[in-house]
Amino acid sequence: MSNTKYVFVTGGVTSSLGKGIIAASLAKLLQQRGFSVTIQKLDPYINIDPGTLNPYEHGECYVTDDGAETDLDLGHYERFLNIPTSQANNVTTGKIYQSVINKERKGEFLGKTVQVIPHITDEIKHRVQILGNTGDYDIVITEIGGTVGDIESLPYVEAVRQLKWELGDDNVIVIHLTLVPYLAAAGELKTKPTQHSVKMLMQSGVSPDILVCRSEHEINDTIKRKLALFCNVKKQDVIQSLDAETIYDVPNLMFKEGLDYVVLDKLNLSTRKQPKLRAWNQFLERHKNPTSTIEIGLVGKYVELHDSYKSITEAFIHAGATNKTKVVVRWIHSEELTPENAASQLAGLNGVLVAPGFGDRGIEGKIAAVQYVRENNIPFLGICLGMQMAVIEYSRNVLGMKDASSTEMDSKTANPVINLMATQKEVTEKGGTMRLGAWDCQIIEDSKVFEAYKTTLISERHRHRYEYNNDYKTQLEEAGMKSTGINPETGLVEIVEIPTHPWFVGVQYHPEYKSTVLNPHPLFVSFIKAGLKHSKIKK
């Protein structure tokens, strides 16, 4: 039997309180104390995964090494813990029901009536314990999406109740993240929303072991005592979580509040060592005390919701700290960008990143951005679709193929410099069918990317259906756009560069997914360094 301990993080009062950041911060502290920790996200929606969701609905879709399309919180988990997640780290209601229905169709339930209890809750418990049963982890932290009281969350809360009963209070604890709002008119903090949230959780048979209370103001002992009394916890188990300057401050704040100590006490685990957070705090020191500032343009079509590009903006923070540089992001909507206004829209930038995406909306704006930065020697990084737009722009404006395009946007183009992958031509279903997960790439030494990676073989995560068309490779290379990274298995081009440009790199993969606090992605570090150099040339 596994000795793994389980910590569940639920949310109350309102959404977006930061369950993922609290879970990641706690995991970081426990990891620093010498425990092997992983984090899992249970999402209550019926989609199988967020891969088919519009980014406006759900923010970015994060991709793991093993090809899982997951919730963006898994990005936080990896950035904080510096260890990869997998398919098992993100479970949706859609996956749960799909699995149970498939078993029913196979006759595995021997004719029994299939019900939420026990069949759905058993499947949830099975998914929760998959990571624990590997024997790789001392502690599994599971974040339950949504808010207590939502109909969608009820089966998950019931599964937690059952696990707590089956495994015991020493092996399963519940942290309830809630809000203690400040009413300016009354001039005081209000505990009633938290009381009602906990009452709702207890009506489902689950009593929280620890309360983490988000607030804009200090929660004094009187309020902690009141919350403890009404919510059936000890006063020392009421932890305040004040608004932080940056999410990367939260581990330090939670350490100061003693969250990790309380958790270990509840789980009957002895403290192995004190968390030092040395490298973490060195990063914070660089991040908060930059010696330079640059402005990078992020060109995309979902810029109204910044979470659509969460991993990219976090990678900017990591790379900025490495260069002791504050990276200011200018959000540029690709639909509003034209060849006529590109100069004014992109004026003053020290670098431009053309972001990933799907479909033909905003494509011409992205191409206009690429042309402007190419012709004006501004550092450029194109990711996935951004790389493809760079190939199209070069084909049109340097090779003179005015009709060059991608078959994704123009299925009848005479010059499909970007084409549907051969393996995708028979695919009809949209979910989970792209080229996903980690793939190798062979880099040539005489290149900007080799300078960044310092190695000739890399592995990066992908999420796309369309590829660079090798039929045009010779023409493009002879015209000056070099293919500096090739997938050794398929021969497909993964990286393009323009050697005559100060820093012009397009990559088919998603480097942002692998950038962490302790291992900033080398490509982003190099890109920001090029932006810093550009800012000094301008002066």
Protein backbone atom coordinates (compact mmCIF):
# COMPACT_ATOMS: atom_id res chain seq x y z
CA MET A 1 0.00 0.00 0.00
CA SER A 2 1.23 3.50 -0.87
CA ASN A 3 2.29 5.82 1.95
CA THR A 4 1.42 8.89 -0.10
CA LYS A 5 -0.44 11.71 1.65
CA TYR A 6 -3.14 13.74 -0.12
CA VAL A 7 -3.91 17.46 0.20
CA PHE A 8 -7.03 18.87 -1.48
CA VAL A 9 -7.45 22.57 -2.21
CA THR A 10 -11.02 23.80 -2.63
CA GLY A 11 -12.29 27.31 -3.24
CA GLY A 12 -15.19 29.29 -1.85
CA VAL A 13 -17.07 32.61 -2.15
CA THR A 14 -15.74 33.51 -5.60
CA SER A 15 -13.62 32.14 -8.41
CA SER A 16 -10.14 33.42 -9.35
CA LEU A 17 -8.88 33.58 -5.76
CA GLY A 18 -5.69 31.79 -6.76
CA LYS A 19 -6.11 28.14 -5.74
CA GLY A 20 -3.44 27.17 -8.27
CA ILE A 21 -0.91 29.64 -6.86
CA ILE A 22 -1.61 28.57 -3.27
CA ALA A 23 -1.28 24.90 -4.28
CA ALA A 24 1.96 25.61 -6.17
CA SER A 25 3.38 27.70 -3.31
CA LEU A 26 2.61 25.02 -0.73
CA ALA A 27 4.15 22.39 -3.01
CA LYS A 28 7.28 24.54 -3.39
CA LEU A 29 7.69 24.84 0.38
CA LEU A 30 7.15 21.10 0.94
CA GLN A 31 9.59 20.35 -1.88
CA GLN A 32 12.16 22.60 -0.20
CA ARG A 33 11.60 20.70 3.02
CA GLY A 34 12.76 17.54 1.26
CA PHE A 35 9.45 15.95 0.26
CA SER A 36 8.66 14.67 -3.21
CA VAL A 37 5.54 16.55 -4.30
CA THR A 38 3.31 16.82 -7.36
CA ILE A 39 0.14 18.79 -8.04
CA GLN A 40 -2.99 17.72 -9.87
CA LYS A 41 -5.94 19.74 -11.20
CA LEU A 42 -9.51 18.44 -11.29
CA ASP A 43 -11.58 20.54 -13.69
CA PRO A 44 -15.38 20.34 -13.43
CA TYR A 45 -16.21 21.06 -17.08
CA ILE A 46 -17.49 18.32 -19.41
CA ASN A 47 -14.99 19.00 -22.21
CA ILE A 48 -12.47 16.17 -22.37
CA ASP A 49 -9.65 18.75 -22.23
CA PRO A 50 -9.20 22.48 -22.95
CA GLY A 51 -7.65 21.73 -26.36
CA THR A 52 -10.86 22.58 -28.21
CA LEU A 53 -11.79 25.55 -25.99
CA ASN A 54 -11.50 29.10 -27.26
CA PRO A 55 -8.73 30.92 -25.34
CA TYR A 56 -11.29 33.61 -24.50
CA GLU A 57 -13.17 30.90 -22.58
CA HIS A 58 -10.32 29.34 -20.66
CA GLY A 59 -7.04 31.15 -21.21
CA GLU A 60 -4.14 29.31 -22.77
CA CYS A 61 -4.09 25.57 -23.31
CA TYR A 62 -0.93 24.22 -21.67
CA VAL A 63 0.83 21.17 -23.16
CA THR A 64 2.89 18.57 -21.28
CA ASP A 65 5.82 16.46 -22.51
CA ASP A 66 3.55 13.44 -22.97
CA GLY A 67 1.12 15.41 -25.14
CA ALA A 68 -1.66 16.26 -22.70
CA GLU A 69 -3.61 19.44 -23.47
CA THR A 70 -4.29 20.82 -20.01
CA ASP A 71 -5.45 23.68 -17.83
CA LEU A 72 -3.09 26.67 -17.59
CA ASP A 73 -2.61 26.01 -13.85
CA LEU A 74 -0.32 23.12 -14.78
CA GLY A 75 2.01 25.77 -16.17
CA HIS A 76 2.15 27.35 -12.71
CA TYR A 77 2.85 23.94 -11.16
CA GLU A 78 5.81 23.35 -13.48
CA ARG A 79 7.15 26.90 -13.18
CA PHE A 80 7.13 26.68 -9.35
CA LEU A 81 8.30 23.07 -8.88
CA ASN A 82 10.66 22.85 -11.85
CA ILE A 83 9.46 19.30 -12.60
CA PRO A 84 7.30 18.19 -15.55
CA THR A 85 3.63 17.25 -15.26
CA SER A 86 1.79 14.64 -17.32
CA GLN A 87 -1.60 13.35 -18.51
CA ALA A 88 -2.34 12.24 -14.94
CA ASN A 89 -1.99 15.78 -13.56
CA ASN A 90 -5.14 17.15 -15.21
CA VAL A 91 -8.50 15.42 -14.99
CA THR A 92 -11.80 16.78 -16.30
CA THR A 93 -15.38 15.70 -15.70
CA GLY A 94 -15.45 14.84 -19.39
CA LYS A 95 -12.59 12.36 -18.94
CA ILE A 96 -14.27 10.86 -15.86
CA TYR A 97 -17.62 10.30 -17.55
CA GLN A 98 -16.02 9.12 -20.79
CA SER A 99 -14.05 6.48 -18.89
CA VAL A 100 -17.08 5.28 -16.92
CA ILE A 101 -19.30 5.12 -20.03
CA ASN A 102 -16.61 3.20 -21.93
CA LYS A 103 -16.45 0.68 -19.09
CA GLU A 104 -20.24 0.37 -19.09
CA ARG A 105 -20.26 -0.29 -22.84
CA LYS A 106 -17.69 -3.05 -22.34
CA GLY A 107 -19.88 -4.66 -19.68
CA GLU A 108 -17.40 -4.12 -16.86
CA PHE A 109 -20.16 -3.26 -14.36
CA LEU A 110 -21.89 -6.61 -14.92
CA GLY A 111 -25.31 -5.13 -15.61
CA LYS A 112 -25.43 -2.89 -12.53
CA THR A 113 -27.09 0.51 -12.69
CA VAL A 114 -24.30 3.04 -13.30
CA GLN A 115 -24.61 6.00 -10.91
CA VAL A 116 -22.72 9.06 -9.72
CA ILE A 117 -22.12 7.20 -6.45
CA PRO A 118 -20.26 4.89 -6.51
CA HIS A 119 -19.16 4.71 -10.15
CA ILE A 120 -18.29 8.35 -10.91
CA THR A 121 -16.80 8.97 -7.46
CA ASP A 122 -14.80 5.72 -7.69
CA GLU A 123 -13.34 6.89 -10.99
CA ILE A 124 -12.45 10.26 -9.45
CA LYS A 125 -10.72 8.54 -6.52
CA HIS A 126 -8.86 6.29 -8.94
CA ARG A 127 -7.61 9.29 -10.95
CA VAL A 128 -6.57 11.13 -7.78
CA GLN A 129 -4.56 8.15 -6.55
CA ILE A 130 -2.84 7.29 -9.86
CA LEU A 131 0.04 9.64 -9.02
CA GLY A 132 0.22 8.48 -5.41
CA ASN A 133 0.27 4.82 -6.34
CA THR A 134 3.41 5.25 -8.46
CA GLY A 135 5.41 5.49 -5.26
CA ASP A 136 7.21 8.55 -6.67
CA TYR A 137 5.58 11.10 -4.38
CA ASP A 138 5.32 11.66 -0.64
CA ILE A 139 2.52 14.17 -1.11
CA VAL A 140 -0.01 14.73 -3.89
CA ILE A 141 -1.75 18.11 -3.85
CA THR A 142 -5.04 18.15 -5.76
CA GLU A 143 -6.71 21.42 -6.72
CA ILE A 144 -10.45 21.17 -7.34
CA GLY A 145 -11.56 23.72 -9.93
CA GLY A 146 -14.60 25.92 -9.53
CA THR A 147 -16.23 27.04 -6.29
CA VAL A 148 -17.85 25.03 -3.51
CA GLY A 149 -21.59 25.06 -4.13
CA ASP A 150 -21.29 24.66 -7.90
CA ILE A 151 -23.33 21.68 -9.12
CA GLU A 152 -20.37 20.59 -11.25
CA SER A 153 -18.09 20.27 -8.20
CA LEU A 154 -20.35 18.07 -6.06
CA PRO A 155 -19.03 14.67 -7.24
CA TYR A 156 -15.46 15.82 -6.55
CA VAL A 157 -16.29 16.99 -3.03
CA GLU A 158 -18.08 13.68 -2.39
CA ALA A 159 -15.01 11.79 -3.64
CA VAL A 160 -12.87 13.78 -1.19
CA ARG A 161 -15.26 12.87 1.64
CA GLN A 162 -14.97 9.19 0.75
CA LEU A 163 -11.17 9.30 0.47
CA LYS A 164 -10.90 11.03 3.84
CA TRP A 165 -13.06 8.28 5.35
CA GLU A 166 -11.14 5.48 3.61
CA LEU A 167 -7.57 6.72 4.18
CA GLY A 168 -7.97 8.59 7.45
CA ASP A 169 -7.42 12.15 8.66
CA ASP A 170 -3.65 11.65 8.86
CA ASN A 171 -3.49 10.88 5.14
CA VAL A 172 -6.06 13.26 3.62
CA ILE A 173 -6.55 16.93 4.50
CA VAL A 174 -8.58 19.73 2.94
CA ILE A 175 -7.43 23.33 2.54
CA HIS A 176 -10.31 25.70 1.81
CA LEU A 177 -9.32 28.94 0.07
CA THR A 178 -11.84 31.66 0.68
CA LEU A 179 -12.33 35.43 0.60
CA VAL A 180 -12.54 37.83 3.54
CA PRO A 181 -13.71 41.04 1.86
CA TYR A 182 -13.18 44.53 3.21
CA LEU A 183 -16.25 46.79 3.17
CA ALA A 184 -15.04 50.36 2.91
CA ALA A 185 -18.43 51.79 3.99
CA ALA A 186 -18.32 49.76 7.23
CA GLY A 187 -14.55 50.06 7.54
CA GLU A 188 -14.12 46.40 8.44
CA LEU A 189 -13.41 42.91 7.16
CA LYS A 190 -16.41 40.59 6.84
CA THR A 191 -16.25 36.90 7.76
CA LYS A 192 -19.79 35.95 6.79
CA PRO A 193 -18.99 34.89 3.18
CA THR A 194 -16.34 32.50 4.51
CA GLN A 195 -18.71 31.14 7.14
CA HIS A 196 -21.36 30.39 4.51
CA SER A 197 -18.79 28.86 2.16
CA VAL A 198 -17.51 26.51 4.89
CA LYS A 199 -21.09 25.67 5.89
CA MET A 200 -21.80 24.67 2.28
CA LEU A 201 -18.68 22.48 2.22
CA MET A 202 -19.69 20.84 5.51
CA GLN A 203 -23.18 20.14 4.15
CA SER A 204 -21.41 17.94 1.60
CA GLY A 205 -19.77 16.02 4.44
CA VAL A 206 -16.35 17.66 4.23
CA SER A 207 -14.96 19.80 7.02
CA PRO A 208 -11.90 21.87 6.06
CA ASP A 209 -8.74 21.29 8.05
CA ILE A 210 -7.15 24.61 7.12
CA LEU A 211 -8.59 27.93 5.98
CA VAL A 212 -6.53 30.15 3.70
CA CYS A 213 -8.17 33.57 3.61
CA ARG A 214 -7.54 35.97 0.75
CA SER A 215 -7.80 39.59 1.80
CA GLU A 216 -6.64 43.09 0.96
CA HIS A 217 -6.10 43.86 4.67
CA GLU A 218 -4.39 42.16 7.61
CA ILE A 219 -6.59 39.55 9.32
CA ASN A 220 -6.10 40.15 13.04
CA ASP A 221 -6.32 37.62 15.86
CA THR A 222 -9.88 38.59 16.70
CA ILE A 223 -11.06 37.78 13.18
CA LYS A 224 -8.99 34.58 13.09
CA ARG A 225 -10.56 33.49 16.38
CA LYS A 226 -14.04 34.23 15.04
CA LEU A 227 -13.37 32.28 11.80
CA ALA A 228 -11.93 29.37 13.78
CA LEU A 229 -14.98 29.25 16.07
CA PHE A 230 -17.59 29.38 13.31
CA CYS A 231 -15.70 27.20 10.82
CA ASN A 232 -14.68 24.43 13.22
CA VAL A 233 -10.91 24.82 12.87
CA LYS A 234 -8.15 25.85 15.27
CA LYS A 235 -7.02 29.47 15.27
CA GLN A 236 -3.52 28.49 14.07
CA ASP A 237 -5.17 26.78 11.09
CA VAL A 238 -6.53 30.11 9.80
CA ILE A 239 -3.92 31.40 7.35
CA GLN A 240 -4.09 34.85 5.81
CA SER A 241 -3.13 35.34 2.17
CA LEU A 242 -2.73 39.02 1.41
CA ASP A 243 -2.52 40.44 -2.09
CA ALA A 244 1.07 40.06 -3.31
CA GLU A 245 3.24 42.23 -5.55
CA THR A 246 3.89 39.16 -7.73
CA ILE A 247 2.74 35.54 -7.67
CA TYR A 248 6.37 34.58 -7.02
CA ASP A 249 6.14 36.25 -3.58
CA VAL A 250 3.45 33.83 -2.43
CA PRO A 251 5.75 30.94 -1.33
CA ASN A 252 7.57 33.37 1.00
CA LEU A 253 4.28 34.76 2.30
CA MET A 254 2.90 31.28 2.95
CA PHE A 255 6.13 30.28 4.71
CA LYS A 256 5.83 33.35 6.93
CA GLU A 257 2.25 32.34 7.75
CA GLY A 258 3.33 28.77 8.50
CA LEU A 259 1.10 27.03 5.96
CA ASP A 260 3.60 24.27 5.24
CA TYR A 261 4.20 23.65 8.96
CA VAL A 262 0.46 23.34 9.66
CA VAL A 263 0.02 20.96 6.71
CA LEU A 264 2.85 18.69 7.88
CA ASP A 265 1.43 18.70 11.41
CA LYS A 266 -2.02 17.66 10.10
CA LEU A 267 -0.47 14.89 7.98
CA ASN A 268 1.60 13.67 10.94
CA LEU A 269 4.84 14.17 8.99
CA SER A 270 8.04 15.25 10.69
CA THR A 271 9.86 18.30 9.33
CA ARG A 272 12.90 17.13 7.36
CA LYS A 273 14.59 20.51 6.93
CA GLN A 274 13.82 24.21 6.81
CA PRO A 275 12.97 25.59 3.36
CA LYS A 276 15.74 27.93 2.22
CA LEU A 277 14.37 29.20 -1.13
CA ARG A 278 17.83 30.63 -1.91
CA ALA A 279 17.71 30.32 -5.70
CA TRP A 280 14.05 31.39 -5.67
CA ASN A 281 14.82 34.54 -3.73
CA GLN A 282 17.82 35.31 -5.93
CA PHE A 283 15.39 35.25 -8.87
CA LEU A 284 13.01 37.54 -6.97
CA GLU A 285 15.84 39.93 -6.16
CA ARG A 286 16.77 40.23 -9.86
CA HIS A 287 13.12 40.46 -10.89
CA LYS A 288 12.33 43.29 -8.47
CA ASN A 289 15.55 45.25 -8.99
CA PRO A 290 16.15 45.45 -12.75
CA THR A 291 18.94 47.62 -14.10
CA SER A 292 17.28 48.10 -17.51
CA THR A 293 13.82 48.25 -19.07
CA ILE A 294 12.77 47.17 -22.54
CA GLU A 295 9.42 47.02 -24.31
CA ILE A 296 8.39 43.92 -26.25
CA GLY A 297 5.37 43.82 -28.54
CA LEU A 298 3.18 40.70 -28.27
CA VAL A 299 1.17 40.38 -31.48
CA GLY A 300 -1.83 38.06 -31.17
CA LYS A 301 -5.56 37.84 -31.70
CA TYR A 302 -6.60 37.01 -28.11
CA VAL A 303 -4.81 39.91 -26.44
CA GLU A 304 -7.95 41.11 -24.63
CA LEU A 305 -7.50 38.13 -22.28
CA HIS A 306 -3.87 38.14 -21.19
CA ASP A 307 -4.22 34.62 -19.75
CA SER A 308 -4.39 33.43 -23.37
CA TYR A 309 -0.62 33.92 -23.45
CA LYS A 310 0.16 33.16 -19.79
CA SER A 311 3.23 30.98 -20.37
CA ILE A 312 4.73 33.57 -22.74
CA THR A 313 4.37 36.46 -20.29
CA GLU A 314 5.79 34.33 -17.46
CA ALA A 315 8.72 33.32 -19.70
CA PHE A 316 9.36 37.05 -20.25
CA ILE A 317 9.55 37.48 -16.45
CA HIS A 318 12.02 34.59 -16.07
CA ALA A 319 14.20 35.75 -18.97
CA GLY A 320 13.97 39.37 -17.86
CA ALA A 321 15.25 38.50 -14.38
CA THR A 322 18.17 36.58 -15.92
CA ASN A 323 19.09 39.72 -17.90
CA LYS A 324 18.30 42.01 -14.90
CA THR A 325 15.79 43.65 -17.20
CA LYS A 326 12.19 44.66 -16.72
CA VAL A 327 10.17 43.47 -19.72
CA VAL A 328 7.19 45.68 -20.47
CA VAL A 329 4.69 43.97 -22.77
CA ARG A 330 2.81 46.04 -25.34
CA TRP A 331 -0.32 44.08 -26.31
CA ILE A 332 -1.02 44.44 -30.04
CA HIS A 333 -4.17 43.02 -31.62
CA SER A 334 -3.25 41.45 -34.95
CA GLU A 335 -6.65 42.31 -36.46
CA GLU A 336 -5.90 46.00 -35.98
CA LEU A 337 -2.45 45.82 -37.57
CA THR A 338 -1.93 46.67 -41.25
CA PRO A 339 1.08 47.42 -43.49
CA GLU A 340 -0.01 51.07 -43.36
CA ASN A 341 -0.10 51.42 -39.55
CA ALA A 342 2.61 48.89 -38.60
CA ALA A 343 5.24 51.62 -38.19
CA SER A 344 3.12 53.59 -35.70
CA GLN A 345 1.79 50.50 -33.87
CA LEU A 346 5.27 48.98 -33.44
CA ALA A 347 7.20 52.22 -32.90
CA GLY A 348 9.68 52.20 -30.05
CA LEU A 349 9.65 48.45 -29.48
CA ASN A 350 12.86 46.57 -28.66
CA GLY A 351 11.50 43.28 -29.87
CA VAL A 352 8.34 41.67 -31.27
CA LEU A 353 6.90 38.24 -30.52
CA VAL A 354 4.27 36.96 -32.94
CA ALA A 355 2.15 34.59 -30.94
CA PRO A 356 0.65 31.16 -31.67
CA GLY A 357 -2.97 30.70 -32.70
CA PHE A 358 -5.34 29.00 -35.11
CA GLY A 359 -7.52 30.09 -38.03
CA ASP A 360 -7.32 32.97 -40.49
CA ARG A 361 -8.50 35.84 -38.28
CA GLY A 362 -5.76 38.44 -37.79
CA ILE A 363 -3.30 36.64 -40.08
CA GLU A 364 -2.51 39.60 -42.33
CA GLY A 365 -1.73 41.72 -39.27
CA LYS A 366 0.79 39.16 -38.08
CA ILE A 367 2.41 39.12 -41.51
CA ALA A 368 2.59 42.93 -41.49
CA ALA A 369 4.31 42.82 -38.09
CA VAL A 370 6.88 40.29 -39.35
CA GLN A 371 7.65 42.39 -42.42
CA TYR A 372 8.15 45.54 -40.35
CA VAL A 373 10.53 43.97 -37.83
CA ARG A 374 12.44 42.13 -40.55
CA GLU A 375 12.99 45.28 -42.57
CA ASN A 376 13.80 47.42 -39.53
CA ASN A 377 16.20 45.04 -37.76
CA ILE A 378 14.03 44.68 -34.64
CA PRO A 379 14.56 41.39 -32.70
CA PHE A 380 11.84 38.89 -33.63
CA LEU A 381 10.58 35.65 -32.12
CA GLY A 382 7.81 33.75 -33.90
CA ILE A 383 6.18 30.86 -32.05
CA CYS A 384 4.25 28.12 -33.92
CA LEU A 385 1.84 30.12 -36.10
CA GLY A 386 4.21 33.09 -35.64
CA MET A 387 7.00 31.07 -37.27
CA GLN A 388 4.66 30.07 -40.10
CA MET A 389 3.75 33.73 -40.69
CA ALA A 390 7.47 34.53 -40.93
CA VAL A 391 7.87 31.90 -43.68
CA ILE A 392 4.83 33.26 -45.54
CA GLU A 393 6.04 36.86 -45.24
CA TYR A 394 9.48 35.97 -46.53
CA SER A 395 8.03 33.97 -49.42
CA ARG A 396 5.78 36.86 -50.42
CA ASN A 397 8.12 39.80 -50.01
CA VAL A 398 11.57 38.33 -50.69
CA LEU A 399 10.88 35.40 -53.02
CA GLY A 400 8.12 37.37 -54.77
CA MET A 401 5.41 34.70 -54.31
CA LYS A 402 2.60 37.15 -53.66
CA ASP A 403 0.07 34.33 -53.24
CA ALA A 404 2.19 32.32 -50.77
CA SER A 405 0.07 31.15 -47.86
CA SER A 406 -0.81 28.29 -45.56
CA THR A 407 -3.43 25.74 -46.57
CA GLU A 408 -4.98 26.42 -43.16
CA MET A 409 -6.02 29.87 -44.39
CA ASP A 410 -6.19 29.26 -48.16
CA SER A 411 -6.71 25.64 -49.17
CA LYS A 412 -6.30 26.52 -52.87
CA THR A 413 -3.12 28.60 -52.68
CA ALA A 414 -0.72 27.96 -55.56
CA ASN A 415 2.24 28.28 -53.18
CA PRO A 416 1.45 26.42 -49.93
CA VAL A 417 4.70 27.21 -48.12
CA ILE A 418 2.91 25.99 -44.99
CA ASN A 419 0.96 22.79 -45.51
CA LEU A 420 -1.12 20.27 -43.58
CA MET A 421 1.05 17.48 -42.19
CA ALA A 422 0.67 14.22 -44.11
CA THR A 423 -0.38 12.44 -40.90
CA GLN A 424 -3.18 14.97 -40.41
CA LYS A 425 -4.90 14.61 -43.78
CA GLU A 426 -7.20 11.78 -42.69
CA VAL A 427 -7.94 13.29 -39.27
CA THR A 428 -11.55 14.41 -38.81
CA GLU A 429 -11.86 14.81 -35.03
CA LYS A 430 -10.49 18.01 -33.49
CA GLY A 431 -9.74 17.02 -29.89
CA GLY A 432 -6.26 15.76 -29.02
CA THR A 433 -5.33 14.95 -32.63
CA MET A 434 -2.61 17.52 -33.37
CA ARG A 435 1.14 16.94 -33.19
CA LEU A 436 1.41 17.19 -29.42
CA GLY A 437 4.05 16.88 -26.75
CA ALA A 438 7.83 16.61 -26.79
CA TRP A 439 9.70 16.10 -30.08
CA ASP A 440 13.43 16.21 -30.76
CA CYS A 441 15.09 18.87 -32.87
CA GLN A 442 18.63 18.82 -34.33
CA ILE A 443 20.23 22.27 -34.36
CA ILE A 444 23.04 23.42 -36.65
CA GLU A 445 25.95 25.01 -34.80
CA ASP A 446 26.22 28.17 -36.90
CA SER A 447 22.97 29.68 -35.63
CA LYS A 448 21.41 31.99 -33.05
CA VAL A 449 19.53 29.06 -31.49
CA PHE A 450 22.76 27.12 -30.96
CA GLU A 451 24.20 30.19 -29.22
CA ALA A 452 21.13 30.13 -26.96
CA TYR A 453 20.86 26.39 -26.24
CA LYS A 454 24.61 25.55 -26.28
CA THR A 455 23.71 22.10 -27.65
CA THR A 456 22.78 20.52 -30.98
CA LEU A 457 19.93 18.28 -29.78
CA ILE A 458 16.92 19.68 -27.97
CA SER A 459 13.43 18.45 -27.06
CA GLU A 460 10.51 20.87 -27.16
CA ARG A 461 6.73 20.69 -26.89
CA HIS A 462 4.45 21.03 -29.91
CA ARG A 463 0.80 21.77 -30.60
CA HIS A 464 -0.07 22.17 -34.28
CA ARG A 465 -1.41 20.54 -37.47
CA TYR A 466 0.39 22.51 -40.17
CA GLU A 467 4.09 22.46 -41.01
CA TYR A 468 6.80 24.16 -43.04
CA ASN A 469 6.57 22.73 -46.58
CA ASN A 470 9.95 21.19 -47.43
CA ASP A 471 9.21 21.61 -51.18
CA TYR A 472 10.15 25.30 -50.70
CA LYS A 473 13.14 24.76 -48.41
CA THR A 474 15.84 25.18 -51.10
CA GLN A 475 14.29 28.39 -52.45
CA LEU A 476 13.89 29.90 -49.00
CA GLU A 477 17.41 28.99 -47.93
CA GLU A 478 18.96 30.37 -51.11
CA ALA A 479 17.04 33.62 -50.52
CA GLY A 480 18.46 33.93 -46.99
CA MET A 481 15.98 32.23 -44.61
CA LYS A 482 17.93 29.35 -43.13
CA SER A 483 16.48 26.19 -41.62
CA THR A 484 18.56 25.87 -38.46
CA GLY A 485 16.57 23.18 -36.66
CA ILE A 486 15.25 19.92 -38.15
CA ASN A 487 13.23 17.13 -36.56
CA PRO A 488 15.52 14.07 -36.98
CA GLU A 489 12.58 11.66 -37.19
CA THR A 490 10.41 13.41 -39.77
CA GLY A 491 12.86 15.76 -41.52
CA LEU A 492 10.44 18.62 -40.88
CA VAL A 493 11.80 22.12 -40.30
CA GLU A 494 11.43 23.22 -36.69
CA ILE A 495 13.42 26.49 -36.69
CA VAL A 496 14.04 29.24 -39.24
CA GLU A 497 16.46 32.16 -38.94
CA ILE A 498 17.68 35.07 -41.01
CA PRO A 499 21.46 35.24 -40.36
CA THR A 500 21.77 38.76 -41.79
CA HIS A 501 19.26 40.07 -39.24
CA PRO A 502 20.39 40.99 -35.68
CA TRP A 503 18.02 38.39 -34.13
CA PHE A 504 15.25 36.82 -36.21
CA VAL A 505 14.08 33.35 -35.07
CA GLY A 506 10.89 31.42 -35.78
CA VAL A 507 10.17 28.11 -34.03
CA GLN A 508 7.44 25.58 -34.79
CA TYR A 509 7.34 24.45 -31.16
CA HIS A 510 6.32 26.23 -27.93
CA PRO A 511 9.42 27.15 -25.88
CA GLU A 512 7.28 29.07 -23.37
CA TYR A 513 5.91 25.82 -21.92
CA LYS A 514 9.32 24.80 -20.58
CA SER A 515 10.40 28.07 -18.98
CA THR A 516 10.54 27.93 -15.16
CA VAL A 517 11.75 30.20 -12.37
CA LEU A 518 14.90 28.14 -11.82
CA ASN A 519 15.42 27.29 -15.52
CA PRO A 520 14.44 30.27 -17.69
CA HIS A 521 14.10 29.16 -21.29
CA PRO A 522 17.36 29.84 -23.19
CA LEU A 523 15.53 31.08 -26.29
CA PHE A 524 13.61 33.69 -24.29
CA VAL A 525 16.80 34.65 -22.43
CA SER A 526 18.55 35.18 -25.79
CA PHE A 527 15.57 37.09 -27.24
CA ILE A 528 15.42 39.48 -24.26
CA LYS A 529 19.20 39.91 -24.43
CA ALA A 530 18.81 40.89 -28.11
CA GLY A 531 16.04 43.32 -27.13
CA LEU A 532 18.32 44.84 -24.50
CA LYS A 533 21.09 45.26 -27.08
CA HIS A 534 18.58 46.88 -29.46
CA SER A 535 17.50 49.36 -26.76
CA LYS A 536 21.11 50.45 -26.22
CA ILE A 537 21.73 50.87 -29.96
CA LYS A 538 18.66 53.12 -30.14
CA LYS A 539 20.07 55.35 -27.43
